[in-house]
Amino acid sequence: MADRNFKPPFDTLSVDENATRNRVIRQRNIVLGLVLAFFAVLFFAITVVKMKHPKMPHKSPPAAAAGAPVAGAVNGQ
């Protein structure tokens, strides 16, 4: 009489299925690594461009620095 609760001591996937699964996981990891590297290079390039051009929009506008009248000021007050 065979035991109905018997489970084999090995994985139920065949060798080919395991190889296919491992190949897909490896390809996915390679693509994810390439995307991560792309974003790292992109952020580095943006940082370098901002450092080389100090008059980028991240600075205050020239009108505020030149002593332009403040909104809401009446008769020079």
PDB file of N, CA and C in Angstrom:
ATOM      1  N   MET A   1       0.819  -1.171   0.000  1.00  0.00           N
ATOM      2  CA  MET A   1       0.000   0.000   0.000  1.00  0.00           C
ATOM      3  C   MET A   1       0.874   1.249   0.000  1.00  0.00           C
ATOM      4  N   ALA A   2       0.623   2.140  -0.925  1.00  0.00           N
ATOM      5  CA  ALA A   2       1.412   3.363  -1.043  1.00  0.00           C
ATOM      6  C   ALA A   2       0.857   4.427  -0.109  1.00  0.00           C
ATOM      7  N   ASP A   3       1.747   5.209   0.443  1.00  0.00           N
ATOM      8  CA  ASP A   3       1.349   6.294   1.335  1.00  0.00           C
ATOM      9  C   ASP A   3       0.853   7.465   0.485  1.00  0.00           C
ATOM     10  N   ARG A   4      -0.342   7.931   0.752  1.00  0.00           N
ATOM     11  CA  ARG A   4      -0.927   9.020  -0.040  1.00  0.00           C
ATOM     12  C   ARG A   4      -0.251  10.363   0.244  1.00  0.00           C
ATOM     13  N   ASN A   5       0.389  10.541   1.370  1.00  0.00           N
ATOM     14  CA  ASN A   5       1.028  11.796   1.746  1.00  0.00           C
ATOM     15  C   ASN A   5       2.502  11.847   1.358  1.00  0.00           C
ATOM     16  N   PHE A   6       2.955  10.864   0.611  1.00  0.00           N
ATOM     17  CA  PHE A   6       4.360  10.811   0.224  1.00  0.00           C
ATOM     18  C   PHE A   6       4.673  11.922  -0.766  1.00  0.00           C
ATOM     19  N   LYS A   7       5.750  12.656  -0.497  1.00  0.00           N
ATOM     20  CA  LYS A   7       6.224  13.692  -1.415  1.00  0.00           C
ATOM     21  C   LYS A   7       7.650  13.350  -1.785  1.00  0.00           C
ATOM     22  N   PRO A   8       8.014  13.510  -3.039  1.00  0.00           N
ATOM     23  CA  PRO A   8       9.382  13.184  -3.439  1.00  0.00           C
ATOM     24  C   PRO A   8      10.373  14.150  -2.774  1.00  0.00           C
ATOM     25  N   PRO A   9      11.579  13.693  -2.479  1.00  0.00           N
ATOM     26  CA  PRO A   9      12.553  14.540  -1.782  1.00  0.00           C
ATOM     27  C   PRO A   9      13.261  15.530  -2.691  1.00  0.00           C
ATOM     28  N   PHE A  10      12.778  15.742  -3.881  1.00  0.00           N
ATOM     29  CA  PHE A  10      13.418  16.649  -4.826  1.00  0.00           C
ATOM     30  C   PHE A  10      12.388  17.612  -5.383  1.00  0.00           C
ATOM     31  N   ASP A  11      12.861  18.624  -6.064  1.00  0.00           N
ATOM     32  CA  ASP A  11      11.975  19.618  -6.663  1.00  0.00           C
ATOM     33  C   ASP A  11      11.150  18.968  -7.759  1.00  0.00           C
ATOM     34  N   THR A  12       9.905  19.392  -7.901  1.00  0.00           N
ATOM     35  CA  THR A  12       9.034  18.785  -8.901  1.00  0.00           C
ATOM     36  C   THR A  12       9.298  19.326 -10.300  1.00  0.00           C
ATOM     37  N   LEU A  13      10.055  20.407 -10.426  1.00  0.00           N
ATOM     38  CA  LEU A  13      10.383  20.931 -11.746  1.00  0.00           C
ATOM     39  C   LEU A  13      11.461  20.062 -12.379  1.00  0.00           C
ATOM     40  N   SER A  14      11.359  19.890 -13.677  1.00  0.00           N
ATOM     41  CA  SER A  14      12.393  19.114 -14.358  1.00  0.00           C
ATOM     42  C   SER A  14      13.644  19.968 -14.531  1.00  0.00           C
ATOM     43  N   VAL A  15      14.709  19.353 -14.986  1.00  0.00           N
ATOM     44  CA  VAL A  15      15.977  20.062 -15.180  1.00  0.00           C
ATOM     45  C   VAL A  15      15.807  21.152 -16.231  1.00  0.00           C
ATOM     46  N   ASP A  16      15.078  20.873 -17.306  1.00  0.00           N
ATOM     47  CA  ASP A  16      14.863  21.873 -18.360  1.00  0.00           C
ATOM     48  C   ASP A  16      14.050  23.060 -17.848  1.00  0.00           C
ATOM     49  N   GLU A  17      13.039  22.793 -17.040  1.00  0.00           N
ATOM     50  CA  GLU A  17      12.224  23.880 -16.501  1.00  0.00           C
ATOM     51  C   GLU A  17      13.049  24.753 -15.548  1.00  0.00           C
ATOM     52  N   ASN A  18      13.899  24.128 -14.751  1.00  0.00           N
ATOM     53  CA  ASN A  18      14.775  24.902 -13.861  1.00  0.00           C
ATOM     54  C   ASN A  18      15.753  25.751 -14.653  1.00  0.00           C
ATOM     55  N   ALA A  19      16.320  25.183 -15.711  1.00  0.00           N
ATOM     56  CA  ALA A  19      17.266  25.929 -16.533  1.00  0.00           C
ATOM     57  C   ALA A  19      16.572  27.109 -17.204  1.00  0.00           C
ATOM     58  N   THR A  20      15.370  26.904 -17.692  1.00  0.00           N
ATOM     59  CA  THR A  20      14.617  27.988 -18.335  1.00  0.00           C
ATOM     60  C   THR A  20      14.290  29.076 -17.323  1.00  0.00           C
ATOM     61  N   ARG A  21      13.834  28.665 -16.147  1.00  0.00           N
ATOM     62  CA  ARG A  21      13.491  29.630 -15.097  1.00  0.00           C
ATOM     63  C   ARG A  21      14.719  30.442 -14.691  1.00  0.00           C
ATOM     64  N   ASN A  22      15.851  29.785 -14.507  1.00  0.00           N
ATOM     65  CA  ASN A  22      17.084  30.487 -14.123  1.00  0.00           C
ATOM     66  C   ASN A  22      17.546  31.442 -15.219  1.00  0.00           C
ATOM     67  N   ARG A  23      17.377  31.055 -16.480  1.00  0.00           N
ATOM     68  CA  ARG A  23      17.766  31.927 -17.587  1.00  0.00           C
ATOM     69  C   ARG A  23      16.898  33.186 -17.613  1.00  0.00           C
ATOM     70  N   VAL A  24      15.587  33.025 -17.400  1.00  0.00           N
ATOM     71  CA  VAL A  24      14.676  34.175 -17.402  1.00  0.00           C
ATOM     72  C   VAL A  24      15.007  35.111 -16.241  1.00  0.00           C
ATOM     73  N   ILE A  25      15.273  34.547 -15.076  1.00  0.00           N
ATOM     74  CA  ILE A  25      15.619  35.377 -13.911  1.00  0.00           C
ATOM     75  C   ILE A  25      16.924  36.126 -14.166  1.00  0.00           C
ATOM     76  N   ARG A  26      17.899  35.459 -14.764  1.00  0.00           N
ATOM     77  CA  ARG A  26      19.185  36.103 -15.056  1.00  0.00           C
ATOM     78  C   ARG A  26      19.004  37.246 -16.064  1.00  0.00           C
ATOM     79  N   GLN A  27      18.208  37.020 -17.097  1.00  0.00           N
ATOM     80  CA  GLN A  27      17.964  38.081 -18.082  1.00  0.00           C
ATOM     81  C   GLN A  27      17.260  39.267 -17.434  1.00  0.00           C
ATOM     82  N   ARG A  28      16.309  39.003 -16.559  1.00  0.00           N
ATOM     83  CA  ARG A  28      15.594  40.080 -15.888  1.00  0.00           C
ATOM     84  C   ARG A  28      16.549  40.875 -14.995  1.00  0.00           C
ATOM     85  N   ASN A  29      17.441  40.189 -14.308  1.00  0.00           N
ATOM     86  CA  ASN A  29      18.410  40.877 -13.453  1.00  0.00           C
ATOM     87  C   ASN A  29      19.381  41.720 -14.266  1.00  0.00           C
ATOM     88  N   ILE A  30      19.776  41.243 -15.432  1.00  0.00           N
ATOM     89  CA  ILE A  30      20.683  42.014 -16.293  1.00  0.00           C
ATOM     90  C   ILE A  30      19.996  43.293 -16.768  1.00  0.00           C
ATOM     91  N   VAL A  31      18.743  43.180 -17.191  1.00  0.00           N
ATOM     92  CA  VAL A  31      18.001  44.361 -17.651  1.00  0.00           C
ATOM     93  C   VAL A  31      17.826  45.345 -16.495  1.00  0.00           C
ATOM     94  N   LEU A  32      17.489  44.857 -15.316  1.00  0.00           N
ATOM     95  CA  LEU A  32      17.324  45.735 -14.163  1.00  0.00           C
ATOM     96  C   LEU A  32      18.631  46.445 -13.812  1.00  0.00           C
ATOM     97  N   GLY A  33      19.744  45.740 -13.910  1.00  0.00           N
ATOM     98  CA  GLY A  33      21.048  46.353 -13.668  1.00  0.00           C
ATOM     99  C   GLY A  33      21.380  47.430 -14.683  1.00  0.00           C
ATOM    100  N   LEU A  34      21.043  47.182 -15.942  1.00  0.00           N
ATOM    101  CA  LEU A  34      21.284  48.184 -16.986  1.00  0.00           C
ATOM    102  C   LEU A  34      20.427  49.431 -16.770  1.00  0.00           C
ATOM    103  N   VAL A  35      19.186  49.250 -16.370  1.00  0.00           N
ATOM    104  CA  VAL A  35      18.310  50.400 -16.092  1.00  0.00           C
ATOM    105  C   VAL A  35      18.858  51.200 -14.916  1.00  0.00           C
ATOM    106  N   LEU A  36      19.301  50.519 -13.878  1.00  0.00           N
ATOM    107  CA  LEU A  36      19.879  51.199 -12.723  1.00  0.00           C
ATOM    108  C   LEU A  36      21.138  51.973 -13.115  1.00  0.00           C
ATOM    109  N   ALA A  37      21.994  51.373 -13.920  1.00  0.00           N
ATOM    110  CA  ALA A  37      23.210  52.055 -14.374  1.00  0.00           C
ATOM    111  C   ALA A  37      22.861  53.273 -15.229  1.00  0.00           C
ATOM    112  N   PHE A  38      21.839  53.152 -16.071  1.00  0.00           N
ATOM    113  CA  PHE A  38      21.409  54.280 -16.902  1.00  0.00           C
ATOM    114  C   PHE A  38      20.983  55.461 -16.036  1.00  0.00           C
ATOM    115  N   PHE A  39      20.171  55.188 -15.006  1.00  0.00           N
ATOM    116  CA  PHE A  39      19.715  56.282 -14.146  1.00  0.00           C
ATOM    117  C   PHE A  39      20.863  56.887 -13.349  1.00  0.00           C
ATOM    118  N   ALA A  40      21.824  56.085 -12.934  1.00  0.00           N
ATOM    119  CA  ALA A  40      22.983  56.622 -12.221  1.00  0.00           C
ATOM    120  C   ALA A  40      23.775  57.562 -13.126  1.00  0.00           C
ATOM    121  N   VAL A  41      24.003  57.169 -14.373  1.00  0.00           N
ATOM    122  CA  VAL A  41      24.721  58.022 -15.333  1.00  0.00           C
ATOM    123  C   VAL A  41      23.913  59.273 -15.640  1.00  0.00           C
ATOM    124  N   LEU A  42      22.596  59.134 -15.755  1.00  0.00           N
ATOM    125  CA  LEU A  42      21.739  60.289 -16.031  1.00  0.00           C
ATOM    126  C   LEU A  42      21.822  61.317 -14.903  1.00  0.00           C
ATOM    127  N   PHE A  43      21.700  60.883 -13.657  1.00  0.00           N
ATOM    128  CA  PHE A  43      21.785  61.820 -12.535  1.00  0.00           C
ATOM    129  C   PHE A  43      23.170  62.447 -12.436  1.00  0.00           C
ATOM    130  N   PHE A  44      24.216  61.681 -12.717  1.00  0.00           N
ATOM    131  CA  PHE A  44      25.564  62.233 -12.706  1.00  0.00           C
ATOM    132  C   PHE A  44      25.709  63.317 -13.769  1.00  0.00           C
ATOM    133  N   ALA A  45      25.193  63.058 -14.974  1.00  0.00           N
ATOM    134  CA  ALA A  45      25.287  64.031 -16.064  1.00  0.00           C
ATOM    135  C   ALA A  45      24.516  65.309 -15.721  1.00  0.00           C
ATOM    136  N   ILE A  46      23.339  65.164 -15.144  1.00  0.00           N
ATOM    137  CA  ILE A  46      22.554  66.345 -14.759  1.00  0.00           C
ATOM    138  C   ILE A  46      23.313  67.160 -13.712  1.00  0.00           C
ATOM    139  N   THR A  47      23.936  66.493 -12.764  1.00  0.00           N
ATOM    140  CA  THR A  47      24.711  67.185 -11.734  1.00  0.00           C
ATOM    141  C   THR A  47      25.888  67.938 -12.333  1.00  0.00           C
ATOM    142  N   VAL A  48      26.591  67.319 -13.261  1.00  0.00           N
ATOM    143  CA  VAL A  48      27.744  67.968 -13.896  1.00  0.00           C
ATOM    144  C   VAL A  48      27.289  69.189 -14.686  1.00  0.00           C
ATOM    145  N   VAL A  49      26.193  69.089 -15.411  1.00  0.00           N
ATOM    146  CA  VAL A  49      25.696  70.219 -16.197  1.00  0.00           C
ATOM    147  C   VAL A  49      25.286  71.367 -15.282  1.00  0.00           C
ATOM    148  N   LYS A  50      24.627  71.069 -14.181  1.00  0.00           N
ATOM    149  CA  LYS A  50      24.228  72.138 -13.258  1.00  0.00           C
ATOM    150  C   LYS A  50      25.432  72.805 -12.605  1.00  0.00           C
ATOM    151  N   MET A  51      26.487  72.059 -12.348  1.00  0.00           N
ATOM    152  CA  MET A  51      27.677  72.650 -11.736  1.00  0.00           C
ATOM    153  C   MET A  51      28.436  73.516 -12.725  1.00  0.00           C
ATOM    154  N   LYS A  52      28.418  73.176 -14.001  1.00  0.00           N
ATOM    155  CA  LYS A  52      29.168  73.946 -15.005  1.00  0.00           C
ATOM    156  C   LYS A  52      28.429  75.206 -15.436  1.00  0.00           C
ATOM    157  N   HIS A  53      27.115  75.258 -15.272  1.00  0.00           N
ATOM    158  CA  HIS A  53      26.319  76.413 -15.682  1.00  0.00           C
ATOM    159  C   HIS A  53      25.610  76.975 -14.450  1.00  0.00           C
ATOM    160  N   PRO A  54      26.255  77.914 -13.745  1.00  0.00           N
ATOM    161  CA  PRO A  54      25.677  78.413 -12.494  1.00  0.00           C
ATOM    162  C   PRO A  54      24.420  79.252 -12.688  1.00  0.00           C
ATOM    163  N   LYS A  55      24.125  79.718 -13.886  1.00  0.00           N
ATOM    164  CA  LYS A  55      22.937  80.541 -14.100  1.00  0.00           C
ATOM    165  C   LYS A  55      21.757  79.724 -14.597  1.00  0.00           C
ATOM    166  N   MET A  56      21.680  78.496 -14.159  1.00  0.00           N
ATOM    167  CA  MET A  56      20.541  77.646 -14.491  1.00  0.00           C
ATOM    168  C   MET A  56      19.338  78.097 -13.666  1.00  0.00           C
ATOM    169  N   PRO A  57      18.136  77.668 -14.006  1.00  0.00           N
ATOM    170  CA  PRO A  57      16.921  78.119 -13.317  1.00  0.00           C
ATOM    171  C   PRO A  57      16.858  77.790 -11.827  1.00  0.00           C
ATOM    172  N   HIS A  58      17.773  76.988 -11.310  1.00  0.00           N
ATOM    173  CA  HIS A  58      17.720  76.675  -9.886  1.00  0.00           C
ATOM    174  C   HIS A  58      18.191  77.843  -9.026  1.00  0.00           C
ATOM    175  N   LYS A  59      18.732  78.887  -9.651  1.00  0.00           N
ATOM    176  CA  LYS A  59      19.144  80.093  -8.919  1.00  0.00           C
ATOM    177  C   LYS A  59      17.966  81.072  -8.873  1.00  0.00           C
ATOM    178  N   SER A  60      18.072  82.109  -8.015  1.00  0.00           N
ATOM    179  CA  SER A  60      17.004  83.102  -7.937  1.00  0.00           C
ATOM    180  C   SER A  60      17.001  83.949  -9.210  1.00  0.00           C
ATOM    181  N   PRO A  61      15.839  84.430  -9.635  1.00  0.00           N
ATOM    182  CA  PRO A  61      15.771  85.245 -10.857  1.00  0.00           C
ATOM    183  C   PRO A  61      16.483  86.570 -10.674  1.00  0.00           C
ATOM    184  N   PRO A  62      17.045  87.151 -11.737  1.00  0.00           N
ATOM    185  CA  PRO A  62      17.802  88.395 -11.611  1.00  0.00           C
ATOM    186  C   PRO A  62      16.961  89.580 -11.155  1.00  0.00           C
ATOM    187  N   ALA A  63      15.662  89.628 -11.429  1.00  0.00           N
ATOM    188  CA  ALA A  63      14.826  90.767 -11.037  1.00  0.00           C
ATOM    189  C   ALA A  63      14.765  90.885  -9.523  1.00  0.00           C
ATOM    190  N   ALA A  64      14.720  89.796  -8.798  1.00  0.00           N
ATOM    191  CA  ALA A  64      14.647  89.845  -7.341  1.00  0.00           C
ATOM    192  C   ALA A  64      15.983  90.293  -6.755  1.00  0.00           C
ATOM    193  N   ALA A  65      17.082  89.970  -7.398  1.00  0.00           N
ATOM    194  CA  ALA A  65      18.395  90.331  -6.886  1.00  0.00           C
ATOM    195  C   ALA A  65      18.737  91.800  -7.202  1.00  0.00           C
ATOM    196  N   ALA A  66      18.087  92.424  -8.197  1.00  0.00           N
ATOM    197  CA  ALA A  66      18.419  93.779  -8.630  1.00  0.00           C
ATOM    198  C   ALA A  66      17.667  94.835  -7.830  1.00  0.00           C
ATOM    199  N   GLY A  67      16.920  94.470  -6.814  1.00  0.00           N
ATOM    200  CA  GLY A  67      16.206  95.450  -6.006  1.00  0.00           C
ATOM    201  C   GLY A  67      14.899  95.895  -6.649  1.00  0.00           C
ATOM    202  N   ALA A  68      14.255  95.031  -7.354  1.00  0.00           N
ATOM    203  CA  ALA A  68      12.960  95.345  -7.969  1.00  0.00           C
ATOM    204  C   ALA A  68      11.943  95.577  -6.873  1.00  0.00           C
ATOM    205  N   PRO A  69      10.950  96.401  -7.132  1.00  0.00           N
ATOM    206  CA  PRO A  69       9.941  96.681  -6.102  1.00  0.00           C
ATOM    207  C   PRO A  69       9.206  95.402  -5.696  1.00  0.00           C
ATOM    208  N   VAL A  70       8.904  95.315  -4.424  1.00  0.00           N
ATOM    209  CA  VAL A  70       8.227  94.148  -3.884  1.00  0.00           C
ATOM    210  C   VAL A  70       6.733  94.304  -4.171  1.00  0.00           C
ATOM    211  N   ALA A  71       6.084  93.234  -4.528  1.00  0.00           N
ATOM    212  CA  ALA A  71       4.657  93.285  -4.820  1.00  0.00           C
ATOM    213  C   ALA A  71       3.906  93.706  -3.559  1.00  0.00           C
ATOM    214  N   GLY A  72       2.989  94.642  -3.700  1.00  0.00           N
ATOM    215  CA  GLY A  72       2.201  95.115  -2.561  1.00  0.00           C
ATOM    216  C   GLY A  72       2.734  96.402  -1.948  1.00  0.00           C
ATOM    217  N   ALA A  73       3.900  96.873  -2.378  1.00  0.00           N
ATOM    218  CA  ALA A  73       4.444  98.121  -1.843  1.00  0.00           C
ATOM    219  C   ALA A  73       3.711  99.301  -2.447  1.00  0.00           C
ATOM    220  N   VAL A  74       3.316 100.262  -1.618  1.00  0.00           N
ATOM    221  CA  VAL A  74       2.555 101.413  -2.076  1.00  0.00           C
ATOM    222  C   VAL A  74       3.345 102.684  -1.754  1.00  0.00           C
ATOM    223  N   ASN A  75       3.563 103.553  -2.738  1.00  0.00           N
ATOM    224  CA  ASN A  75       4.217 104.852  -2.589  1.00  0.00           C
ATOM    225  C   ASN A  75       5.586 104.721  -1.919  1.00  0.00           C
ATOM    226  N   GLY A  76       6.340 103.735  -2.300  1.00  0.00           N
ATOM    227  CA  GLY A  76       7.687 103.604  -1.789  1.00  0.00           C
ATOM    228  C   GLY A  76       7.780 103.090  -0.359  1.00  0.00           C
ATOM    229  N   GLN A  77       6.703 102.611   0.174  1.00  0.00           N
ATOM    230  CA  GLN A  77       6.716 102.118   1.563  1.00  0.00           C
ATOM    231  C   GLN A  77       7.226 100.717   1.641  1.00  0.00           C
TER     232      GLN A  77
END
